Amino acid sequence: MTKGDMTRSDISRGIVITGTDTGIGKTVFSAGLVGLLDGFYWKPVQSGLDEETDSEAVTRLSGLPAGRILPEVYRLKTPLSPHRSAEIDGVAIEAAKLSLPDLPGPLIIEGAGGVMVPLNRQTRFIDIFREWQLPVILCARTALGTINHTLLSIEALKARAIPLIGVAFIGEEMADSQRTIVEFGNVRQLGRLPYLDPLTSKTLREAMVSGFDLSPIARGQ
């Protein structure tokens, strides 16, 4: 399936990209996916501004014009969980401000860290996902511990009736771990994104095309 086959009606209002943990590569996956979909990218909450932000990384890797990268609602200085980073900055994150934008193309929304990461002392990202009721892709690294972390994340999403398209694995091939997650979690394996060296928009696009079945992603189910 080519990006020209992926329409707004297929993707509906958007797709949420979340992870089993922080630093697992979901920003790179998001950049590759939004580039293939020729869509828009939005990370509502960014924690940590000293290094390249996730939005800046997606601009660099997606091949899309800067106008397709939506500004964050909250930009927090300290690279911690958003709830704590906001407290340090003297900011109150209000869930009501994280309303979905209306756009003329598919929107890829990246959460911060894992599904249970708190936004404030009352609300976690998974609570926002439940409210949005958008289809979710769960990114999971293939390193040791992934079975437990991924199955717990899948269980949490399903318990809240949040639609889960499937799991995108990131890292080196670990066939048994991947199979175990798919079978116990009763989820679809969308593909695997290896660590890329060099990591460029070209190598990322090639890896996404060769490593993923885009059909269920395009359908949003």
C-alpha atoms as a PDB file:
ATOM      1  CA  MET A   1       0.000   0.000   0.000  1.00  0.00           C
ATOM      2  CA  THR A   2       1.356   3.419  -0.943  1.00  0.00           C
ATOM      3  CA  LYS A   3       0.871   6.668   0.900  1.00  0.00           C
ATOM      4  CA  GLY A   4      -1.514   7.769  -1.838  1.00  0.00           C
ATOM      5  CA  ASP A   5      -3.891   4.961  -0.808  1.00  0.00           C
ATOM      6  CA  MET A   6      -4.075   6.251   2.770  1.00  0.00           C
ATOM      7  CA  THR A   7      -6.906   8.757   3.029  1.00  0.00           C
ATOM      8  CA  ARG A   8      -8.416  10.757   5.851  1.00  0.00           C
ATOM      9  CA  SER A   9     -11.401   8.398   5.889  1.00  0.00           C
ATOM     10  CA  ASP A  10      -9.019   5.463   6.463  1.00  0.00           C
ATOM     11  CA  ILE A  11      -7.120   7.108   9.307  1.00  0.00           C
ATOM     12  CA  SER A  12     -10.152   8.865  10.777  1.00  0.00           C
ATOM     13  CA  ARG A  13      -9.135  11.596  13.245  1.00  0.00           C
ATOM     14  CA  GLY A  14      -5.663  10.299  14.041  1.00  0.00           C
ATOM     15  CA  ILE A  15      -3.473   7.588  15.506  1.00  0.00           C
ATOM     16  CA  VAL A  16      -1.816   7.653  18.925  1.00  0.00           C
ATOM     17  CA  ILE A  17       1.748   6.370  19.273  1.00  0.00           C
ATOM     18  CA  THR A  18       2.613   5.294  22.789  1.00  0.00           C
ATOM     19  CA  GLY A  19       5.267   3.080  24.317  1.00  0.00           C
ATOM     20  CA  THR A  20       6.037   0.590  27.019  1.00  0.00           C
ATOM     21  CA  ASP A  21       8.731   2.869  28.439  1.00  0.00           C
ATOM     22  CA  THR A  22      10.691   6.014  27.694  1.00  0.00           C
ATOM     23  CA  GLY A  23      13.596   6.188  25.260  1.00  0.00           C
ATOM     24  CA  ILE A  24      12.536   3.131  23.245  1.00  0.00           C
ATOM     25  CA  GLY A  25      12.422   4.761  19.823  1.00  0.00           C
ATOM     26  CA  LYS A  26       8.775   5.720  19.421  1.00  0.00           C
ATOM     27  CA  THR A  27       9.734   9.190  18.183  1.00  0.00           C
ATOM     28  CA  VAL A  28      11.770   7.655  15.359  1.00  0.00           C
ATOM     29  CA  PHE A  29       8.868   5.333  14.551  1.00  0.00           C
ATOM     30  CA  SER A  30       6.465   8.297  14.616  1.00  0.00           C
ATOM     31  CA  ALA A  31       8.706  10.221  12.222  1.00  0.00           C
ATOM     32  CA  GLY A  32       8.821   7.298   9.814  1.00  0.00           C
ATOM     33  CA  LEU A  33       5.076   6.713   9.986  1.00  0.00           C
ATOM     34  CA  VAL A  34       3.985  10.325   9.567  1.00  0.00           C
ATOM     35  CA  GLY A  35       6.340  10.650   6.608  1.00  0.00           C
ATOM     36  CA  LEU A  36       4.809   7.627   4.885  1.00  0.00           C
ATOM     37  CA  LEU A  37       1.294   8.858   5.611  1.00  0.00           C
ATOM     38  CA  ASP A  38       2.161  12.382   4.397  1.00  0.00           C
ATOM     39  CA  GLY A  39       0.383  13.595   7.500  1.00  0.00           C
ATOM     40  CA  PHE A  40       0.761  15.813  10.546  1.00  0.00           C
ATOM     41  CA  TYR A  41       2.659  15.179  13.790  1.00  0.00           C
ATOM     42  CA  TRP A  42       1.749  16.398  17.259  1.00  0.00           C
ATOM     43  CA  LYS A  43       3.403  15.816  20.605  1.00  0.00           C
ATOM     44  CA  PRO A  44       1.121  17.693  23.023  1.00  0.00           C
ATOM     45  CA  VAL A  45       3.524  17.576  25.975  1.00  0.00           C
ATOM     46  CA  GLN A  46       7.318  17.808  25.708  1.00  0.00           C
ATOM     47  CA  SER A  47       9.501  17.347  28.780  1.00  0.00           C
ATOM     48  CA  GLY A  48      13.118  18.425  28.359  1.00  0.00           C
ATOM     49  CA  LEU A  49      14.225  21.273  26.111  1.00  0.00           C
ATOM     50  CA  ASP A  50      18.036  21.290  26.417  1.00  0.00           C
ATOM     51  CA  GLU A  51      18.604  18.758  23.610  1.00  0.00           C
ATOM     52  CA  GLU A  52      16.754  18.176  20.351  1.00  0.00           C
ATOM     53  CA  THR A  53      13.040  17.938  21.096  1.00  0.00           C
ATOM     54  CA  ASP A  54      10.898  15.165  19.668  1.00  0.00           C
ATOM     55  CA  SER A  55       9.162  17.606  17.330  1.00  0.00           C
ATOM     56  CA  GLU A  56      12.531  18.776  16.028  1.00  0.00           C
ATOM     57  CA  ALA A  57      13.636  15.178  15.511  1.00  0.00           C
ATOM     58  CA  VAL A  58      10.462  14.388  13.582  1.00  0.00           C
ATOM     59  CA  THR A  59      10.960  17.471  11.410  1.00  0.00           C
ATOM     60  CA  ARG A  60      14.476  16.265  10.602  1.00  0.00           C
ATOM     61  CA  LEU A  61      13.582  12.618   9.978  1.00  0.00           C
ATOM     62  CA  SER A  62      10.115  12.657   8.452  1.00  0.00           C
ATOM     63  CA  GLY A  63      10.906  14.561   5.283  1.00  0.00           C
ATOM     64  CA  LEU A  64       7.830  16.721   5.869  1.00  0.00           C
ATOM     65  CA  PRO A  65       7.750  20.524   5.834  1.00  0.00           C
ATOM     66  CA  ALA A  66       7.944  22.208   9.225  1.00  0.00           C
ATOM     67  CA  GLY A  67       4.328  23.319   8.917  1.00  0.00           C
ATOM     68  CA  ARG A  68       3.193  19.702   9.300  1.00  0.00           C
ATOM     69  CA  ILE A  69       4.685  19.554  12.803  1.00  0.00           C
ATOM     70  CA  LEU A  70       2.180  21.037  15.237  1.00  0.00           C
ATOM     71  CA  PRO A  71       3.441  23.062  18.212  1.00  0.00           C
ATOM     72  CA  GLU A  72       3.343  21.484  21.647  1.00  0.00           C
ATOM     73  CA  VAL A  73       0.677  22.622  24.075  1.00  0.00           C
ATOM     74  CA  TYR A  74       3.148  22.317  26.953  1.00  0.00           C
ATOM     75  CA  ARG A  75       6.932  22.703  26.651  1.00  0.00           C
ATOM     76  CA  LEU A  76       8.546  21.770  29.968  1.00  0.00           C
ATOM     77  CA  LYS A  77      12.212  22.332  30.749  1.00  0.00           C
ATOM     78  CA  THR A  78      13.132  19.331  32.916  1.00  0.00           C
ATOM     79  CA  PRO A  79      13.408  15.860  31.300  1.00  0.00           C
ATOM     80  CA  LEU A  80      11.163  14.110  33.830  1.00  0.00           C
ATOM     81  CA  SER A  81       7.645  12.723  33.859  1.00  0.00           C
ATOM     82  CA  PRO A  82       5.365  15.581  32.687  1.00  0.00           C
ATOM     83  CA  HIS A  83       3.581  15.884  36.018  1.00  0.00           C
ATOM     84  CA  ARG A  84       6.823  16.503  37.897  1.00  0.00           C
ATOM     85  CA  SER A  85       8.432  18.598  35.187  1.00  0.00           C
ATOM     86  CA  ALA A  86       5.360  20.833  35.161  1.00  0.00           C
ATOM     87  CA  GLU A  87       5.475  21.215  38.932  1.00  0.00           C
ATOM     88  CA  ILE A  88       9.130  22.276  38.757  1.00  0.00           C
ATOM     89  CA  ASP A  89       8.273  24.801  36.050  1.00  0.00           C
ATOM     90  CA  GLY A  90       5.293  26.099  38.025  1.00  0.00           C
ATOM     91  CA  VAL A  91       2.887  24.981  35.308  1.00  0.00           C
ATOM     92  CA  ALA A  92      -0.439  23.197  35.707  1.00  0.00           C
ATOM     93  CA  ILE A  93      -1.157  20.759  32.872  1.00  0.00           C
ATOM     94  CA  GLU A  94      -4.866  20.913  32.083  1.00  0.00           C
ATOM     95  CA  ALA A  95      -6.285  17.896  30.285  1.00  0.00           C
ATOM     96  CA  ALA A  96      -9.023  20.066  28.769  1.00  0.00           C
ATOM     97  CA  LYS A  97      -6.384  21.894  26.723  1.00  0.00           C
ATOM     98  CA  LEU A  98      -5.357  18.679  24.965  1.00  0.00           C
ATOM     99  CA  SER A  99      -8.288  18.701  22.562  1.00  0.00           C
ATOM    100  CA  LEU A 100      -7.792  17.126  19.151  1.00  0.00           C
ATOM    101  CA  PRO A 101      -7.058  19.527  16.289  1.00  0.00           C
ATOM    102  CA  ASP A 102      -9.073  19.310  13.076  1.00  0.00           C
ATOM    103  CA  LEU A 103      -6.685  18.789  10.175  1.00  0.00           C
ATOM    104  CA  PRO A 104      -6.940  18.007   6.436  1.00  0.00           C
ATOM    105  CA  GLY A 105      -4.870  14.828   6.741  1.00  0.00           C
ATOM    106  CA  PRO A 106      -3.839  12.006   9.061  1.00  0.00           C
ATOM    107  CA  LEU A 107      -2.532  13.076  12.468  1.00  0.00           C
ATOM    108  CA  ILE A 108       0.113  11.118  14.359  1.00  0.00           C
ATOM    109  CA  ILE A 109       0.017  11.931  18.079  1.00  0.00           C
ATOM    110  CA  GLU A 110       2.947  10.902  20.264  1.00  0.00           C
ATOM    111  CA  GLY A 111       2.528  10.478  23.993  1.00  0.00           C
ATOM    112  CA  ALA A 112       5.303  10.922  26.540  1.00  0.00           C
ATOM    113  CA  GLY A 113       6.938   7.752  27.859  1.00  0.00           C
ATOM    114  CA  GLY A 114       4.648   4.823  28.638  1.00  0.00           C
ATOM    115  CA  VAL A 115       0.886   4.528  28.786  1.00  0.00           C
ATOM    116  CA  MET A 116       0.649   5.206  32.533  1.00  0.00           C
ATOM    117  CA  VAL A 117       2.796   8.346  32.610  1.00  0.00           C
ATOM    118  CA  PRO A 118       1.073  11.059  34.706  1.00  0.00           C
ATOM    119  CA  LEU A 119       0.234  14.458  33.231  1.00  0.00           C
ATOM    120  CA  ASN A 120      -0.711  15.862  36.620  1.00  0.00           C
ATOM    121  CA  ARG A 121      -1.645  14.445  40.016  1.00  0.00           C
ATOM    122  CA  GLN A 122      -5.068  13.344  38.747  1.00  0.00           C
ATOM    123  CA  THR A 123      -4.622  12.394  35.089  1.00  0.00           C
ATOM    124  CA  ARG A 124      -2.412   9.963  33.194  1.00  0.00           C
ATOM    125  CA  PHE A 125      -1.852   9.753  29.455  1.00  0.00           C
ATOM    126  CA  ILE A 126      -3.962   6.598  29.284  1.00  0.00           C
ATOM    127  CA  ASP A 127      -6.906   8.604  30.632  1.00  0.00           C
ATOM    128  CA  ILE A 128      -6.526  11.021  27.729  1.00  0.00           C
ATOM    129  CA  PHE A 129      -6.266   8.126  25.283  1.00  0.00           C
ATOM    130  CA  ARG A 130      -9.537   6.717  26.621  1.00  0.00           C
ATOM    131  CA  GLU A 131     -11.222  10.081  26.201  1.00  0.00           C
ATOM    132  CA  TRP A 132      -9.918  10.506  22.636  1.00  0.00           C
ATOM    133  CA  GLN A 133     -10.891   6.956  21.592  1.00  0.00           C
ATOM    134  CA  LEU A 134      -8.338   7.036  18.797  1.00  0.00           C
ATOM    135  CA  PRO A 135      -6.623   3.864  17.583  1.00  0.00           C
ATOM    136  CA  VAL A 136      -3.289   3.241  19.316  1.00  0.00           C
ATOM    137  CA  ILE A 137       0.004   1.739  18.179  1.00  0.00           C
ATOM    138  CA  LEU A 138       2.113   0.433  21.044  1.00  0.00           C
ATOM    139  CA  CYS A 139       5.878   0.654  20.513  1.00  0.00           C
ATOM    140  CA  ALA A 140       7.914  -1.967  22.357  1.00  0.00           C
ATOM    141  CA  ARG A 141      11.647  -2.485  22.368  1.00  0.00           C
ATOM    142  CA  THR A 142      12.936  -6.000  21.840  1.00  0.00           C
ATOM    143  CA  ALA A 143      15.357  -5.928  24.793  1.00  0.00           C
ATOM    144  CA  LEU A 144      15.178  -7.980  27.975  1.00  0.00           C
ATOM    145  CA  GLY A 145      12.025  -7.248  29.971  1.00  0.00           C
ATOM    146  CA  THR A 146       9.895  -6.422  26.975  1.00  0.00           C
ATOM    147  CA  ILE A 147       7.441  -9.290  27.496  1.00  0.00           C
ATOM    148  CA  ASN A 148       6.341  -8.101  30.921  1.00  0.00           C
ATOM    149  CA  HIS A 149       6.245  -4.390  30.076  1.00  0.00           C
ATOM    150  CA  THR A 150       4.414  -4.908  26.807  1.00  0.00           C
ATOM    151  CA  LEU A 151       1.799  -7.344  28.116  1.00  0.00           C
ATOM    152  CA  LEU A 152       1.041  -5.017  31.040  1.00  0.00           C
ATOM    153  CA  SER A 153       0.611  -2.086  28.643  1.00  0.00           C
ATOM    154  CA  ILE A 154      -1.645  -4.134  26.355  1.00  0.00           C
ATOM    155  CA  GLU A 155      -3.755  -5.219  29.320  1.00  0.00           C
ATOM    156  CA  ALA A 156      -4.112  -1.627  30.534  1.00  0.00           C
ATOM    157  CA  LEU A 157      -5.244  -0.411  27.099  1.00  0.00           C
ATOM    158  CA  LYS A 158      -7.717  -3.240  26.605  1.00  0.00           C
ATOM    159  CA  ALA A 159      -9.154  -2.817  30.112  1.00  0.00           C
ATOM    160  CA  ARG A 160     -10.172   0.715  29.122  1.00  0.00           C
ATOM    161  CA  ALA A 161     -11.571  -0.308  25.735  1.00  0.00           C
ATOM    162  CA  ILE A 162      -8.936   1.740  23.929  1.00  0.00           C
ATOM    163  CA  PRO A 163      -8.645   0.481  20.330  1.00  0.00           C
ATOM    164  CA  LEU A 164      -5.236  -1.093  19.748  1.00  0.00           C
ATOM    165  CA  ILE A 165      -4.059  -1.483  16.148  1.00  0.00           C
ATOM    166  CA  GLY A 166      -1.058  -3.559  17.167  1.00  0.00           C
ATOM    167  CA  VAL A 167       2.524  -3.574  18.391  1.00  0.00           C
ATOM    168  CA  ALA A 168       5.498  -2.044  16.590  1.00  0.00           C
ATOM    169  CA  PHE A 169       8.709  -3.655  17.797  1.00  0.00           C
ATOM    170  CA  ILE A 170      11.901  -1.599  17.861  1.00  0.00           C
ATOM    171  CA  GLY A 171      15.387  -3.084  18.041  1.00  0.00           C
ATOM    172  CA  GLU A 172      17.127  -6.272  17.000  1.00  0.00           C
ATOM    173  CA  GLU A 173      15.116  -9.367  16.100  1.00  0.00           C
ATOM    174  CA  MET A 174      13.951 -11.369  19.133  1.00  0.00           C
ATOM    175  CA  ALA A 175      11.575 -13.795  17.474  1.00  0.00           C
ATOM    176  CA  ASP A 176      10.450 -15.678  20.566  1.00  0.00           C
ATOM    177  CA  SER A 177       9.774 -12.539  22.634  1.00  0.00           C
ATOM    178  CA  GLN A 178       7.815 -11.023  19.766  1.00  0.00           C
ATOM    179  CA  ARG A 179       5.802 -14.205  19.246  1.00  0.00           C
ATOM    180  CA  THR A 180       5.113 -14.538  22.973  1.00  0.00           C
ATOM    181  CA  ILE A 181       3.787 -10.987  23.195  1.00  0.00           C
ATOM    182  CA  VAL A 182       1.579 -11.411  20.148  1.00  0.00           C
ATOM    183  CA  GLU A 183       0.129 -14.709  21.379  1.00  0.00           C
ATOM    184  CA  PHE A 184      -0.415 -13.821  25.048  1.00  0.00           C
ATOM    185  CA  GLY A 185      -1.546 -10.278  24.237  1.00  0.00           C
ATOM    186  CA  ASN A 186      -3.768 -11.397  21.368  1.00  0.00           C
ATOM    187  CA  VAL A 187      -2.506  -8.481  19.285  1.00  0.00           C
ATOM    188  CA  ARG A 188      -1.213  -7.904  15.791  1.00  0.00           C
ATOM    189  CA  GLN A 189       2.515  -7.528  15.156  1.00  0.00           C
ATOM    190  CA  LEU A 190       2.753  -4.599  12.767  1.00  0.00           C
ATOM    191  CA  GLY A 191       6.456  -5.068  12.105  1.00  0.00           C
ATOM    192  CA  ARG A 192       9.879  -4.261  13.471  1.00  0.00           C
ATOM    193  CA  LEU A 193      12.077  -1.197  13.130  1.00  0.00           C
ATOM    194  CA  PRO A 194      15.771  -2.028  13.635  1.00  0.00           C
ATOM    195  CA  TYR A 195      18.242   0.449  15.068  1.00  0.00           C
ATOM    196  CA  LEU A 196      19.559   2.392  12.081  1.00  0.00           C
ATOM    197  CA  ASP A 197      23.117   3.604  11.538  1.00  0.00           C
ATOM    198  CA  PRO A 198      23.107   6.060   9.938  1.00  0.00           C
ATOM    199  CA  LEU A 199      19.673   7.287  10.945  1.00  0.00           C
ATOM    200  CA  THR A 200      18.452   9.588   8.192  1.00  0.00           C
ATOM    201  CA  SER A 201      15.097  10.326   6.602  1.00  0.00           C
ATOM    202  CA  LYS A 202      16.097   8.048   3.713  1.00  0.00           C
ATOM    203  CA  THR A 203      17.198   5.045   5.790  1.00  0.00           C
ATOM    204  CA  LEU A 204      14.172   5.455   8.061  1.00  0.00           C
ATOM    205  CA  ARG A 205      11.735   5.509   5.171  1.00  0.00           C
ATOM    206  CA  GLU A 206      13.332   2.421   3.628  1.00  0.00           C
ATOM    207  CA  ALA A 207      13.180   0.553   6.951  1.00  0.00           C
ATOM    208  CA  MET A 208       9.534   1.478   7.487  1.00  0.00           C
ATOM    209  CA  VAL A 209       8.507   0.359   4.011  1.00  0.00           C
ATOM    210  CA  SER A 210      10.352  -2.952   4.268  1.00  0.00           C
ATOM    211  CA  GLY A 211       9.593  -3.675   7.915  1.00  0.00           C
ATOM    212  CA  PHE A 212       5.895  -2.909   8.359  1.00  0.00           C
ATOM    213  CA  ASP A 213       2.529  -3.942   7.049  1.00  0.00           C
ATOM    214  CA  LEU A 214       0.819  -0.588   6.625  1.00  0.00           C
ATOM    215  CA  SER A 215      -2.635  -1.936   5.742  1.00  0.00           C
ATOM    216  CA  PRO A 216      -4.019  -2.191   9.320  1.00  0.00           C
ATOM    217  CA  ILE A 217      -2.442   1.164  10.151  1.00  0.00           C
ATOM    218  CA  ALA A 218      -4.122   2.817   7.190  1.00  0.00           C
ATOM    219  CA  ARG A 219      -7.459   1.325   8.225  1.00  0.00           C
ATOM    220  CA  GLY A 220      -6.884   2.412  11.828  1.00  0.00           C
ATOM    221  CA  GLN A 221      -7.868  -1.018  13.135  1.00  0.00           C
END
